[in-house]
Amino acid sequence: MSVRKAQQRERVRRRRHRRVRRSISGTSERPRLVVHRSLKNISAQIVDDLAGRTLCGVSSQGMDVDGGKVAQAEETGRRLAEIAREHGVERVVFDRGGYLYHGRIKALAEGAREGGLEF
């Protein structure tokens, strides 16, 4: 893929994310679970937008999981849910970050649900 095409794809994703963020906001009762996907890793954070602070976050970087990037994303979701429940968070608003709800994003969401988060 050319560099120009990759830049255009990222520009469109960011525009989609800004559009979604107009209606989605994290509160202290239901913080926002925001996802970022790179070529090799996936990371997720739980953010309270009203207080302006990140409650917890986790990344797949350095994880040893068999099965590829989708399995890695699912395990990341489970670990995030575990950490979030330690911080007293059980219900969140899912912010897919402008990415399609498919593949690794979907796997992370399902892993977080299996771990006990509600959204």
PDB file of N, CA and C in Angstrom:
ATOM      1  N   MET A   1       0.850  -1.173   0.000  1.00  0.00           N
ATOM      2  CA  MET A   1       0.000   0.000   0.000  1.00  0.00           C
ATOM      3  C   MET A   1       0.895   1.235   0.000  1.00  0.00           C
ATOM      4  N   SER A   2       0.502   2.187  -0.764  1.00  0.00           N
ATOM      5  CA  SER A   2       1.302   3.403  -0.821  1.00  0.00           C
ATOM      6  C   SER A   2       1.115   4.223   0.448  1.00  0.00           C
ATOM      7  N   VAL A   3       2.090   5.073   0.712  1.00  0.00           N
ATOM      8  CA  VAL A   3       2.048   5.920   1.899  1.00  0.00           C
ATOM      9  C   VAL A   3       0.853   6.860   1.832  1.00  0.00           C
ATOM     10  N   ARG A   4       0.596   7.379   0.656  1.00  0.00           N
ATOM     11  CA  ARG A   4      -0.510   8.326   0.491  1.00  0.00           C
ATOM     12  C   ARG A   4      -1.857   7.681   0.802  1.00  0.00           C
ATOM     13  N   LYS A   5      -2.045   6.448   0.369  1.00  0.00           N
ATOM     14  CA  LYS A   5      -3.289   5.730   0.617  1.00  0.00           C
ATOM     15  C   LYS A   5      -3.451   5.439   2.112  1.00  0.00           C
ATOM     16  N   ALA A   6      -2.351   5.097   2.774  1.00  0.00           N
ATOM     17  CA  ALA A   6      -2.390   4.843   4.216  1.00  0.00           C
ATOM     18  C   ALA A   6      -2.738   6.118   4.976  1.00  0.00           C
ATOM     19  N   GLN A   7      -2.199   7.245   4.542  1.00  0.00           N
ATOM     20  CA  GLN A   7      -2.511   8.520   5.187  1.00  0.00           C
ATOM     21  C   GLN A   7      -3.983   8.878   5.012  1.00  0.00           C
ATOM     22  N   GLN A   8      -4.519   8.628   3.827  1.00  0.00           N
ATOM     23  CA  GLN A   8      -5.932   8.904   3.565  1.00  0.00           C
ATOM     24  C   GLN A   8      -6.824   8.019   4.442  1.00  0.00           C
ATOM     25  N   ARG A   9      -6.466   6.757   4.574  1.00  0.00           N
ATOM     26  CA  ARG A   9      -7.242   5.823   5.397  1.00  0.00           C
ATOM     27  C   ARG A   9      -7.248   6.281   6.853  1.00  0.00           C
ATOM     28  N   GLU A  10      -6.099   6.727   7.354  1.00  0.00           N
ATOM     29  CA  GLU A  10      -6.008   7.217   8.735  1.00  0.00           C
ATOM     30  C   GLU A  10      -6.814   8.504   8.911  1.00  0.00           C
ATOM     31  N   ARG A  11      -6.791   9.373   7.914  1.00  0.00           N
ATOM     32  CA  ARG A  11      -7.558  10.620   7.968  1.00  0.00           C
ATOM     33  C   ARG A  11      -9.063  10.327   8.051  1.00  0.00           C
ATOM     34  N   VAL A  12      -9.521   9.374   7.268  1.00  0.00           N
ATOM     35  CA  VAL A  12     -10.937   8.991   7.280  1.00  0.00           C
ATOM     36  C   VAL A  12     -11.308   8.358   8.618  1.00  0.00           C
ATOM     37  N   ARG A  13     -10.435   7.534   9.178  1.00  0.00           N
ATOM     38  CA  ARG A  13     -10.704   6.908  10.475  1.00  0.00           C
ATOM     39  C   ARG A  13     -10.819   7.962  11.568  1.00  0.00           C
ATOM     40  N   ARG A  14      -9.913   8.934  11.561  1.00  0.00           N
ATOM     41  CA  ARG A  14      -9.961   9.991  12.575  1.00  0.00           C
ATOM     42  C   ARG A  14     -11.219  10.835  12.452  1.00  0.00           C
ATOM     43  N   ARG A  15     -11.636  11.101  11.227  1.00  0.00           N
ATOM     44  CA  ARG A  15     -12.875  11.854  11.032  1.00  0.00           C
ATOM     45  C   ARG A  15     -14.066  11.066  11.577  1.00  0.00           C
ATOM     46  N   ARG A  16     -14.091   9.751  11.325  1.00  0.00           N
ATOM     47  CA  ARG A  16     -15.149   8.879  11.837  1.00  0.00           C
ATOM     48  C   ARG A  16     -15.134   8.877  13.363  1.00  0.00           C
ATOM     49  N   HIS A  17     -13.930   8.834  13.955  1.00  0.00           N
ATOM     50  CA  HIS A  17     -13.810   8.825  15.412  1.00  0.00           C
ATOM     51  C   HIS A  17     -14.330  10.140  16.004  1.00  0.00           C
ATOM     52  N   ARG A  18     -13.977  11.261  15.404  1.00  0.00           N
ATOM     53  CA  ARG A  18     -14.488  12.555  15.899  1.00  0.00           C
ATOM     54  C   ARG A  18     -16.010  12.608  15.829  1.00  0.00           C
ATOM     55  N   ARG A  19     -16.575  12.072  14.777  1.00  0.00           N
ATOM     56  CA  ARG A  19     -18.028  12.069  14.614  1.00  0.00           C
ATOM     57  C   ARG A  19     -18.698  11.238  15.710  1.00  0.00           C
ATOM     58  N   VAL A  20     -18.124  10.090  16.013  1.00  0.00           N
ATOM     59  CA  VAL A  20     -18.673   9.226  17.056  1.00  0.00           C
ATOM     60  C   VAL A  20     -18.492   9.854  18.438  1.00  0.00           C
ATOM     61  N   ARG A  21     -17.363  10.528  18.652  1.00  0.00           N
ATOM     62  CA  ARG A  21     -17.067  11.133  19.957  1.00  0.00           C
ATOM     63  C   ARG A  21     -17.999  12.286  20.305  1.00  0.00           C
ATOM     64  N   ARG A  22     -18.695  12.835  19.321  1.00  0.00           N
ATOM     65  CA  ARG A  22     -19.672  13.884  19.625  1.00  0.00           C
ATOM     66  C   ARG A  22     -20.792  13.352  20.500  1.00  0.00           C
ATOM     67  N   SER A  23     -21.143  12.085  20.324  1.00  0.00           N
ATOM     68  CA  SER A  23     -22.256  11.521  21.076  1.00  0.00           C
ATOM     69  C   SER A  23     -21.821  10.607  22.218  1.00  0.00           C
ATOM     70  N   ILE A  24     -20.585  10.126  22.225  1.00  0.00           N
ATOM     71  CA  ILE A  24     -20.113   9.213  23.258  1.00  0.00           C
ATOM     72  C   ILE A  24     -19.202   9.959  24.221  1.00  0.00           C
ATOM     73  N   SER A  25     -19.502   9.838  25.510  1.00  0.00           N
ATOM     74  CA  SER A  25     -18.657  10.447  26.528  1.00  0.00           C
ATOM     75  C   SER A  25     -18.657   9.554  27.759  1.00  0.00           C
ATOM     76  N   GLY A  26     -17.513   9.450  28.410  1.00  0.00           N
ATOM     77  CA  GLY A  26     -17.406   8.610  29.598  1.00  0.00           C
ATOM     78  C   GLY A  26     -17.676   9.417  30.856  1.00  0.00           C
ATOM     79  N   THR A  27     -18.434   8.845  31.762  1.00  0.00           N
ATOM     80  CA  THR A  27     -18.713   9.477  33.052  1.00  0.00           C
ATOM     81  C   THR A  27     -18.111   8.621  34.151  1.00  0.00           C
ATOM     82  N   SER A  28     -18.243   9.053  35.378  1.00  0.00           N
ATOM     83  CA  SER A  28     -17.701   8.254  36.466  1.00  0.00           C
ATOM     84  C   SER A  28     -18.524   6.978  36.665  1.00  0.00           C
ATOM     85  N   GLU A  29     -19.837   7.026  36.350  1.00  0.00           N
ATOM     86  CA  GLU A  29     -20.664   5.814  36.459  1.00  0.00           C
ATOM     87  C   GLU A  29     -20.407   4.855  35.304  1.00  0.00           C
ATOM     88  N   ARG A  30     -20.246   5.404  34.088  1.00  0.00           N
ATOM     89  CA  ARG A  30     -19.978   4.590  32.897  1.00  0.00           C
ATOM     90  C   ARG A  30     -18.835   5.215  32.121  1.00  0.00           C
ATOM     91  N   PRO A  31     -17.594   4.873  32.464  1.00  0.00           N
ATOM     92  CA  PRO A  31     -16.455   5.419  31.719  1.00  0.00           C
ATOM     93  C   PRO A  31     -16.397   4.854  30.299  1.00  0.00           C
ATOM     94  N   ARG A  32     -15.579   5.455  29.493  1.00  0.00           N
ATOM     95  CA  ARG A  32     -15.449   5.095  28.087  1.00  0.00           C
ATOM     96  C   ARG A  32     -14.292   4.126  27.911  1.00  0.00           C
ATOM     97  N   LEU A  33     -14.551   3.019  27.234  1.00  0.00           N
ATOM     98  CA  LEU A  33     -13.500   2.056  26.879  1.00  0.00           C
ATOM     99  C   LEU A  33     -13.076   2.398  25.452  1.00  0.00           C
ATOM    100  N   VAL A  34     -11.905   2.976  25.310  1.00  0.00           N
ATOM    101  CA  VAL A  34     -11.419   3.401  23.999  1.00  0.00           C
ATOM    102  C   VAL A  34     -10.317   2.460  23.518  1.00  0.00           C
ATOM    103  N   VAL A  35     -10.357   2.135  22.227  1.00  0.00           N
ATOM    104  CA  VAL A  35      -9.457   1.149  21.631  1.00  0.00           C
ATOM    105  C   VAL A  35      -8.555   1.830  20.612  1.00  0.00           C
ATOM    106  N   HIS A  36      -7.287   1.421  20.586  1.00  0.00           N
ATOM    107  CA  HIS A  36      -6.377   1.849  19.533  1.00  0.00           C
ATOM    108  C   HIS A  36      -5.712   0.615  18.955  1.00  0.00           C
ATOM    109  N   ARG A  37      -5.714   0.531  17.632  1.00  0.00           N
ATOM    110  CA  ARG A  37      -5.142  -0.628  16.949  1.00  0.00           C
ATOM    111  C   ARG A  37      -3.984  -0.171  16.084  1.00  0.00           C
ATOM    112  N   SER A  38      -2.855  -0.843  16.208  1.00  0.00           N
ATOM    113  CA  SER A  38      -1.733  -0.585  15.313  1.00  0.00           C
ATOM    114  C   SER A  38      -1.517  -1.836  14.468  1.00  0.00           C
ATOM    115  N   LEU A  39      -0.489  -1.828  13.655  1.00  0.00           N
ATOM    116  CA  LEU A  39      -0.264  -2.981  12.792  1.00  0.00           C
ATOM    117  C   LEU A  39       0.095  -4.238  13.585  1.00  0.00           C
ATOM    118  N   LYS A  40       0.836  -4.073  14.689  1.00  0.00           N
ATOM    119  CA  LYS A  40       1.298  -5.232  15.453  1.00  0.00           C
ATOM    120  C   LYS A  40       0.546  -5.442  16.758  1.00  0.00           C
ATOM    121  N   ASN A  41       0.075  -4.360  17.387  1.00  0.00           N
ATOM    122  CA  ASN A  41      -0.504  -4.465  18.726  1.00  0.00           C
ATOM    123  C   ASN A  41      -1.871  -3.797  18.791  1.00  0.00           C
ATOM    124  N   ILE A  42      -2.515  -3.990  19.927  1.00  0.00           N
ATOM    125  CA  ILE A  42      -3.784  -3.335  20.206  1.00  0.00           C
ATOM    126  C   ILE A  42      -3.746  -2.888  21.658  1.00  0.00           C
ATOM    127  N   SER A  43      -4.295  -1.719  21.932  1.00  0.00           N
ATOM    128  CA  SER A  43      -4.321  -1.238  23.308  1.00  0.00           C
ATOM    129  C   SER A  43      -5.703  -0.694  23.603  1.00  0.00           C
ATOM    130  N   ALA A  44      -6.051  -0.681  24.877  1.00  0.00           N
ATOM    131  CA  ALA A  44      -7.354  -0.182  25.305  1.00  0.00           C
ATOM    132  C   ALA A  44      -7.189   0.525  26.640  1.00  0.00           C
ATOM    133  N   GLN A  45      -7.989   1.569  26.825  1.00  0.00           N
ATOM    134  CA  GLN A  45      -7.974   2.334  28.065  1.00  0.00           C
ATOM    135  C   GLN A  45      -9.401   2.566  28.507  1.00  0.00           C
ATOM    136  N   ILE A  46      -9.577   2.732  29.799  1.00  0.00           N
ATOM    137  CA  ILE A  46     -10.864   3.127  30.341  1.00  0.00           C
ATOM    138  C   ILE A  46     -10.696   4.546  30.862  1.00  0.00           C
ATOM    139  N   VAL A  47     -11.510   5.472  30.310  1.00  0.00           N
ATOM    140  CA  VAL A  47     -11.327   6.902  30.543  1.00  0.00           C
ATOM    141  C   VAL A  47     -12.600   7.520  31.119  1.00  0.00           C
ATOM    142  N   ASP A  48     -12.426   8.338  32.147  1.00  0.00           N
ATOM    143  CA  ASP A  48     -13.510   9.168  32.682  1.00  0.00           C
ATOM    144  C   ASP A  48     -13.332  10.548  32.065  1.00  0.00           C
ATOM    145  N   ASP A  49     -14.162  10.879  31.081  1.00  0.00           N
ATOM    146  CA  ASP A  49     -14.010  12.140  30.352  1.00  0.00           C
ATOM    147  C   ASP A  49     -14.377  13.348  31.202  1.00  0.00           C
ATOM    148  N   LEU A  50     -15.326  13.203  32.113  1.00  0.00           N
ATOM    149  CA  LEU A  50     -15.723  14.337  32.945  1.00  0.00           C
ATOM    150  C   LEU A  50     -14.598  14.757  33.884  1.00  0.00           C
ATOM    151  N   ALA A  51     -13.909  13.781  34.475  1.00  0.00           N
ATOM    152  CA  ALA A  51     -12.789  14.079  35.362  1.00  0.00           C
ATOM    153  C   ALA A  51     -11.498  14.304  34.580  1.00  0.00           C
ATOM    154  N   GLY A  52     -11.474  13.858  33.325  1.00  0.00           N
ATOM    155  CA  GLY A  52     -10.288  14.033  32.492  1.00  0.00           C
ATOM    156  C   GLY A  52      -9.137  13.138  32.895  1.00  0.00           C
ATOM    157  N   ARG A  53      -9.457  11.902  33.292  1.00  0.00           N
ATOM    158  CA  ARG A  53      -8.371  11.000  33.696  1.00  0.00           C
ATOM    159  C   ARG A  53      -8.596   9.584  33.183  1.00  0.00           C
ATOM    160  N   THR A  54      -7.485   8.895  32.983  1.00  0.00           N
ATOM    161  CA  THR A  54      -7.503   7.500  32.572  1.00  0.00           C
ATOM    162  C   THR A  54      -7.516   6.634  33.821  1.00  0.00           C
ATOM    163  N   LEU A  55      -8.504   5.759  33.919  1.00  0.00           N
ATOM    164  CA  LEU A  55      -8.624   4.894  35.094  1.00  0.00           C
ATOM    165  C   LEU A  55      -7.685   3.701  35.011  1.00  0.00           C
ATOM    166  N   CYS A  56      -7.602   3.095  33.834  1.00  0.00           N
ATOM    167  CA  CYS A  56      -6.679   1.977  33.642  1.00  0.00           C
ATOM    168  C   CYS A  56      -6.500   1.729  32.153  1.00  0.00           C
ATOM    169  N   GLY A  57      -5.479   0.997  31.821  1.00  0.00           N
ATOM    170  CA  GLY A  57      -5.204   0.687  30.429  1.00  0.00           C
ATOM    171  C   GLY A  57      -4.344  -0.551  30.314  1.00  0.00           C
ATOM    172  N   VAL A  58      -4.388  -1.155  29.148  1.00  0.00           N
ATOM    173  CA  VAL A  58      -3.601  -2.366  28.912  1.00  0.00           C
ATOM    174  C   VAL A  58      -3.261  -2.423  27.419  1.00  0.00           C
ATOM    175  N   SER A  59      -2.131  -3.056  27.121  1.00  0.00           N
ATOM    176  CA  SER A  59      -1.686  -3.197  25.747  1.00  0.00           C
ATOM    177  C   SER A  59      -1.268  -4.640  25.491  1.00  0.00           C
ATOM    178  N   SER A  60      -1.334  -5.034  24.242  1.00  0.00           N
ATOM    179  CA  SER A  60      -0.928  -6.395  23.886  1.00  0.00           C
ATOM    180  C   SER A  60       0.581  -6.501  23.692  1.00  0.00           C
ATOM    181  N   GLN A  61       1.279  -5.391  23.789  1.00  0.00           N
ATOM    182  CA  GLN A  61       2.720  -5.381  23.563  1.00  0.00           C
ATOM    183  C   GLN A  61       3.417  -6.274  24.590  1.00  0.00           C
ATOM    184  N   GLY A  62       4.213  -7.219  24.101  1.00  0.00           N
ATOM    185  CA  GLY A  62       4.954  -8.119  24.969  1.00  0.00           C
ATOM    186  C   GLY A  62       4.159  -9.309  25.456  1.00  0.00           C
ATOM    187  N   MET A  63       2.909  -9.444  25.020  1.00  0.00           N
ATOM    188  CA  MET A  63       2.070 -10.565  25.444  1.00  0.00           C
ATOM    189  C   MET A  63       2.474 -11.835  24.706  1.00  0.00           C
ATOM    190  N   ASP A  64       2.469 -12.937  25.392  1.00  0.00           N
ATOM    191  CA  ASP A  64       2.769 -14.225  24.779  1.00  0.00           C
ATOM    192  C   ASP A  64       1.481 -15.028  24.662  1.00  0.00           C
ATOM    193  N   VAL A  65       0.813 -14.921  23.512  1.00  0.00           N
ATOM    194  CA  VAL A  65      -0.451 -15.620  23.295  1.00  0.00           C
ATOM    195  C   VAL A  65      -0.354 -16.367  21.978  1.00  0.00           C
ATOM    196  N   ASP A  66      -0.733 -17.647  21.999  1.00  0.00           N
ATOM    197  CA  ASP A  66      -0.763 -18.428  20.768  1.00  0.00           C
ATOM    198  C   ASP A  66      -2.033 -18.107  19.992  1.00  0.00           C
ATOM    199  N   GLY A  67      -1.941 -18.078  18.679  1.00  0.00           N
ATOM    200  CA  GLY A  67      -3.130 -17.904  17.869  1.00  0.00           C
ATOM    201  C   GLY A  67      -3.187 -16.623  17.071  1.00  0.00           C
ATOM    202  N   GLY A  68      -2.195 -15.783  17.134  1.00  0.00           N
ATOM    203  CA  GLY A  68      -2.173 -14.593  16.304  1.00  0.00           C
ATOM    204  C   GLY A  68      -2.748 -13.362  16.969  1.00  0.00           C
ATOM    205  N   LYS A  69      -2.985 -12.341  16.143  1.00  0.00           N
ATOM    206  CA  LYS A  69      -3.366 -11.031  16.659  1.00  0.00           C
ATOM    207  C   LYS A  69      -4.794 -10.989  17.187  1.00  0.00           C
ATOM    208  N   VAL A  70      -5.705 -11.785  16.620  1.00  0.00           N
ATOM    209  CA  VAL A  70      -7.086 -11.796  17.108  1.00  0.00           C
ATOM    210  C   VAL A  70      -7.140 -12.402  18.508  1.00  0.00           C
ATOM    211  N   ALA A  71      -6.424 -13.496  18.717  1.00  0.00           N
ATOM    212  CA  ALA A  71      -6.361 -14.104  20.042  1.00  0.00           C
ATOM    213  C   ALA A  71      -5.689 -13.163  21.038  1.00  0.00           C
ATOM    214  N   GLN A  72      -4.697 -12.445  20.573  1.00  0.00           N
ATOM    215  CA  GLN A  72      -4.002 -11.468  21.403  1.00  0.00           C
ATOM    216  C   GLN A  72      -4.956 -10.347  21.822  1.00  0.00           C
ATOM    217  N   ALA A  73      -5.796  -9.897  20.903  1.00  0.00           N
ATOM    218  CA  ALA A  73      -6.769  -8.842  21.195  1.00  0.00           C
ATOM    219  C   ALA A  73      -7.798  -9.325  22.212  1.00  0.00           C
ATOM    220  N   GLU A  74      -8.239 -10.561  22.073  1.00  0.00           N
ATOM    221  CA  GLU A  74      -9.225 -11.111  23.008  1.00  0.00           C
ATOM    222  C   GLU A  74      -8.640 -11.204  24.419  1.00  0.00           C
ATOM    223  N   GLU A  75      -7.397 -11.641  24.519  1.00  0.00           N
ATOM    224  CA  GLU A  75      -6.733 -11.710  25.819  1.00  0.00           C
ATOM    225  C   GLU A  75      -6.528 -10.312  26.409  1.00  0.00           C
ATOM    226  N   THR A  76      -6.243  -9.336  25.564  1.00  0.00           N
ATOM    227  CA  THR A  76      -6.106  -7.953  26.021  1.00  0.00           C
ATOM    228  C   THR A  76      -7.419  -7.469  26.631  1.00  0.00           C
ATOM    229  N   GLY A  77      -8.535  -7.804  25.994  1.00  0.00           N
ATOM    230  CA  GLY A  77      -9.848  -7.437  26.522  1.00  0.00           C
ATOM    231  C   GLY A  77     -10.121  -8.075  27.867  1.00  0.00           C
ATOM    232  N   ARG A  78      -9.757  -9.348  28.008  1.00  0.00           N
ATOM    233  CA  ARG A  78      -9.952 -10.036  29.299  1.00  0.00           C
ATOM    234  C   ARG A  78      -9.122  -9.389  30.403  1.00  0.00           C
ATOM    235  N   ARG A  79      -7.873  -9.081  30.083  1.00  0.00           N
ATOM    236  CA  ARG A  79      -6.997  -8.451  31.089  1.00  0.00           C
ATOM    237  C   ARG A  79      -7.490  -7.060  31.463  1.00  0.00           C
ATOM    238  N   LEU A  80      -7.977  -6.314  30.494  1.00  0.00           N
ATOM    239  CA  LEU A  80      -8.511  -4.986  30.780  1.00  0.00           C
ATOM    240  C   LEU A  80      -9.724  -5.089  31.702  1.00  0.00           C
ATOM    241  N   ALA A  81     -10.599  -6.052  31.437  1.00  0.00           N
ATOM    242  CA  ALA A  81     -11.782  -6.240  32.281  1.00  0.00           C
ATOM    243  C   ALA A  81     -11.381  -6.592  33.709  1.00  0.00           C
ATOM    244  N   GLU A  82     -10.368  -7.421  33.847  1.00  0.00           N
ATOM    245  CA  GLU A  82      -9.880  -7.813  35.177  1.00  0.00           C
ATOM    246  C   GLU A  82      -9.349  -6.595  35.939  1.00  0.00           C
ATOM    247  N   ILE A  83      -8.546  -5.781  35.273  1.00  0.00           N
ATOM    248  CA  ILE A  83      -7.981  -4.582  35.901  1.00  0.00           C
ATOM    249  C   ILE A  83      -9.085  -3.575  36.220  1.00  0.00           C
ATOM    250  N   ALA A  84     -10.049  -3.434  35.308  1.00  0.00           N
ATOM    251  CA  ALA A  84     -11.142  -2.483  35.512  1.00  0.00           C
ATOM    252  C   ALA A  84     -11.992  -2.884  36.714  1.00  0.00           C
ATOM    253  N   ARG A  85     -12.251  -4.154  36.867  1.00  0.00           N
ATOM    254  CA  ARG A  85     -13.065  -4.609  38.003  1.00  0.00           C
ATOM    255  C   ARG A  85     -12.330  -4.387  39.320  1.00  0.00           C
ATOM    256  N   GLU A  86     -10.995  -4.453  39.301  1.00  0.00           N
ATOM    257  CA  GLU A  86     -10.215  -4.127  40.503  1.00  0.00           C
ATOM    258  C   GLU A  86     -10.374  -2.652  40.867  1.00  0.00           C
ATOM    259  N   HIS A  87     -10.584  -1.803  39.847  1.00  0.00           N
ATOM    260  CA  HIS A  87     -10.782  -0.372  40.073  1.00  0.00           C
ATOM    261  C   HIS A  87     -12.253  -0.027  40.329  1.00  0.00           C
ATOM    262  N   GLY A  88     -13.116  -1.029  40.373  1.00  0.00           N
ATOM    263  CA  GLY A  88     -14.525  -0.804  40.662  1.00  0.00           C
ATOM    264  C   GLY A  88     -15.365  -0.429  39.459  1.00  0.00           C
ATOM    265  N   VAL A  89     -14.881  -0.698  38.264  1.00  0.00           N
ATOM    266  CA  VAL A  89     -15.628  -0.379  37.044  1.00  0.00           C
ATOM    267  C   VAL A  89     -16.252  -1.660  36.507  1.00  0.00           C
ATOM    268  N   GLU A  90     -17.577  -1.647  36.323  1.00  0.00           N
ATOM    269  CA  GLU A  90     -18.256  -2.820  35.778  1.00  0.00           C
ATOM    270  C   GLU A  90     -19.031  -2.504  34.507  1.00  0.00           C
ATOM    271  N   ARG A  91     -19.441  -1.234  34.340  1.00  0.00           N
ATOM    272  CA  ARG A  91     -20.193  -0.832  33.148  1.00  0.00           C
ATOM    273  C   ARG A  91     -19.409   0.250  32.414  1.00  0.00           C
ATOM    274  N   VAL A  92     -19.292   0.101  31.096  1.00  0.00           N
ATOM    275  CA  VAL A  92     -18.547   1.058  30.280  1.00  0.00           C
ATOM    276  C   VAL A  92     -19.331   1.386  29.018  1.00  0.00           C
ATOM    277  N   VAL A  93     -18.890   2.429  28.326  1.00  0.00           N
ATOM    278  CA  VAL A  93     -19.376   2.781  26.999  1.00  0.00           C
ATOM    279  C   VAL A  93     -18.248   2.418  26.039  1.00  0.00           C
ATOM    280  N   PHE A  94     -18.545   1.644  25.009  1.00  0.00           N
ATOM    281  CA  PHE A  94     -17.500   1.171  24.092  1.00  0.00           C
ATOM    282  C   PHE A  94     -17.262   2.193  22.991  1.00  0.00           C
ATOM    283  N   ASP A  95     -16.023   2.633  22.859  1.00  0.00           N
ATOM    284  CA  ASP A  95     -15.604   3.554  21.805  1.00  0.00           C
ATOM    285  C   ASP A  95     -14.605   2.810  20.933  1.00  0.00           C
ATOM    286  N   ARG A  96     -15.017   2.434  19.745  1.00  0.00           N
ATOM    287  CA  ARG A  96     -14.166   1.624  18.873  1.00  0.00           C
ATOM    288  C   ARG A  96     -13.098   2.440  18.166  1.00  0.00           C
ATOM    289  N   GLY A  97     -13.027   3.729  18.416  1.00  0.00           N
ATOM    290  CA  GLY A  97     -11.955   4.564  17.895  1.00  0.00           C
ATOM    291  C   GLY A  97     -12.009   4.811  16.402  1.00  0.00           C
ATOM    292  N   GLY A  98     -13.179   4.678  15.797  1.00  0.00           N
ATOM    293  CA  GLY A  98     -13.302   4.885  14.367  1.00  0.00           C
ATOM    294  C   GLY A  98     -12.992   3.642  13.549  1.00  0.00           C
ATOM    295  N   TYR A  99     -12.575   2.571  14.196  1.00  0.00           N
ATOM    296  CA  TYR A  99     -12.300   1.320  13.492  1.00  0.00           C
ATOM    297  C   TYR A  99     -13.607   0.561  13.304  1.00  0.00           C
ATOM    298  N   LEU A 100     -13.659  -0.286  12.285  1.00  0.00           N
ATOM    299  CA  LEU A 100     -14.844  -1.112  12.074  1.00  0.00           C
ATOM    300  C   LEU A 100     -14.947  -2.148  13.192  1.00  0.00           C
ATOM    301  N   TYR A 101     -16.171  -2.466  13.599  1.00  0.00           N
ATOM    302  CA  TYR A 101     -16.388  -3.473  14.636  1.00  0.00           C
ATOM    303  C   TYR A 101     -16.264  -4.838  13.973  1.00  0.00           C
ATOM    304  N   HIS A 102     -15.012  -5.270  13.844  1.00  0.00           N
ATOM    305  CA  HIS A 102     -14.714  -6.466  13.085  1.00  0.00           C
ATOM    306  C   HIS A 102     -13.317  -6.926  13.469  1.00  0.00           C
ATOM    307  N   GLY A 103     -13.053  -8.202  13.421  1.00  0.00           N
ATOM    308  CA  GLY A 103     -11.710  -8.711  13.648  1.00  0.00           C
ATOM    309  C   GLY A 103     -11.190  -8.469  15.049  1.00  0.00           C
ATOM    310  N   ARG A 104     -10.072  -7.747  15.151  1.00  0.00           N
ATOM    311  CA  ARG A 104      -9.423  -7.538  16.448  1.00  0.00           C
ATOM    312  C   ARG A 104     -10.241  -6.661  17.379  1.00  0.00           C
ATOM    313  N   ILE A 105     -10.957  -5.673  16.841  1.00  0.00           N
ATOM    314  CA  ILE A 105     -11.782  -4.800  17.667  1.00  0.00           C
ATOM    315  C   ILE A 105     -12.913  -5.615  18.288  1.00  0.00           C
ATOM    316  N   LYS A 106     -13.549  -6.434  17.487  1.00  0.00           N
ATOM    317  CA  LYS A 106     -14.629  -7.293  17.971  1.00  0.00           C
ATOM    318  C   LYS A 106     -14.104  -8.293  18.996  1.00  0.00           C
ATOM    319  N   ALA A 107     -12.925  -8.870  18.749  1.00  0.00           N
ATOM    320  CA  ALA A 107     -12.328  -9.834  19.677  1.00  0.00           C
ATOM    321  C   ALA A 107     -12.021  -9.179  21.020  1.00  0.00           C
ATOM    322  N   LEU A 108     -11.505  -7.954  20.998  1.00  0.00           N
ATOM    323  CA  LEU A 108     -11.227  -7.244  22.248  1.00  0.00           C
ATOM    324  C   LEU A 108     -12.525  -6.996  23.019  1.00  0.00           C
ATOM    325  N   ALA A 109     -13.571  -6.585  22.317  1.00  0.00           N
ATOM    326  CA  ALA A 109     -14.862  -6.322  22.963  1.00  0.00           C
ATOM    327  C   ALA A 109     -15.433  -7.599  23.574  1.00  0.00           C
ATOM    328  N   GLU A 110     -15.356  -8.693  22.860  1.00  0.00           N
ATOM    329  CA  GLU A 110     -15.879  -9.963  23.372  1.00  0.00           C
ATOM    330  C   GLU A 110     -15.053 -10.438  24.563  1.00  0.00           C
ATOM    331  N   GLY A 111     -13.748 -10.250  24.522  1.00  0.00           N
ATOM    332  CA  GLY A 111     -12.901 -10.617  25.652  1.00  0.00           C
ATOM    333  C   GLY A 111     -13.224  -9.793  26.881  1.00  0.00           C
ATOM    334  N   ALA A 112     -13.496  -8.501  26.693  1.00  0.00           N
ATOM    335  CA  ALA A 112     -13.864  -7.635  27.818  1.00  0.00           C
ATOM    336  C   ALA A 112     -15.219  -8.054  28.396  1.00  0.00           C
ATOM    337  N   ARG A 113     -16.142  -8.439  27.533  1.00  0.00           N
ATOM    338  CA  ARG A 113     -17.447  -8.929  28.014  1.00  0.00           C
ATOM    339  C   ARG A 113     -17.289 -10.218  28.804  1.00  0.00           C
ATOM    340  N   GLU A 114     -16.451 -11.129  28.295  1.00  0.00           N
ATOM    341  CA  GLU A 114     -16.198 -12.387  29.008  1.00  0.00           C
ATOM    342  C   GLU A 114     -15.545 -12.117  30.368  1.00  0.00           C
ATOM    343  N   GLY A 115     -14.726 -11.072  30.426  1.00  0.00           N
ATOM    344  CA  GLY A 115     -14.064 -10.717  31.673  1.00  0.00           C
ATOM    345  C   GLY A 115     -14.972 -10.059  32.684  1.00  0.00           C
ATOM    346  N   GLY A 116     -16.193  -9.680  32.281  1.00  0.00           N
ATOM    347  CA  GLY A 116     -17.144  -9.145  33.234  1.00  0.00           C
ATOM    348  C   GLY A 116     -17.581  -7.711  33.014  1.00  0.00           C
ATOM    349  N   LEU A 117     -17.098  -7.054  31.956  1.00  0.00           N
ATOM    350  CA  LEU A 117     -17.541  -5.681  31.704  1.00  0.00           C
ATOM    351  C   LEU A 117     -18.874  -5.699  30.962  1.00  0.00           C
ATOM    352  N   GLU A 118     -19.744  -4.755  31.275  1.00  0.00           N
ATOM    353  CA  GLU A 118     -21.031  -4.627  30.615  1.00  0.00           C
ATOM    354  C   GLU A 118     -21.017  -3.455  29.668  1.00  0.00           C
ATOM    355  N   PHE A 119     -21.408  -3.688  28.410  1.00  0.00           N
ATOM    356  CA  PHE A 119     -21.628  -2.625  27.440  1.00  0.00           C
ATOM    357  C   PHE A 119     -22.403  -3.153  26.270  1.00  0.00           C
TER     358      PHE A 119
END
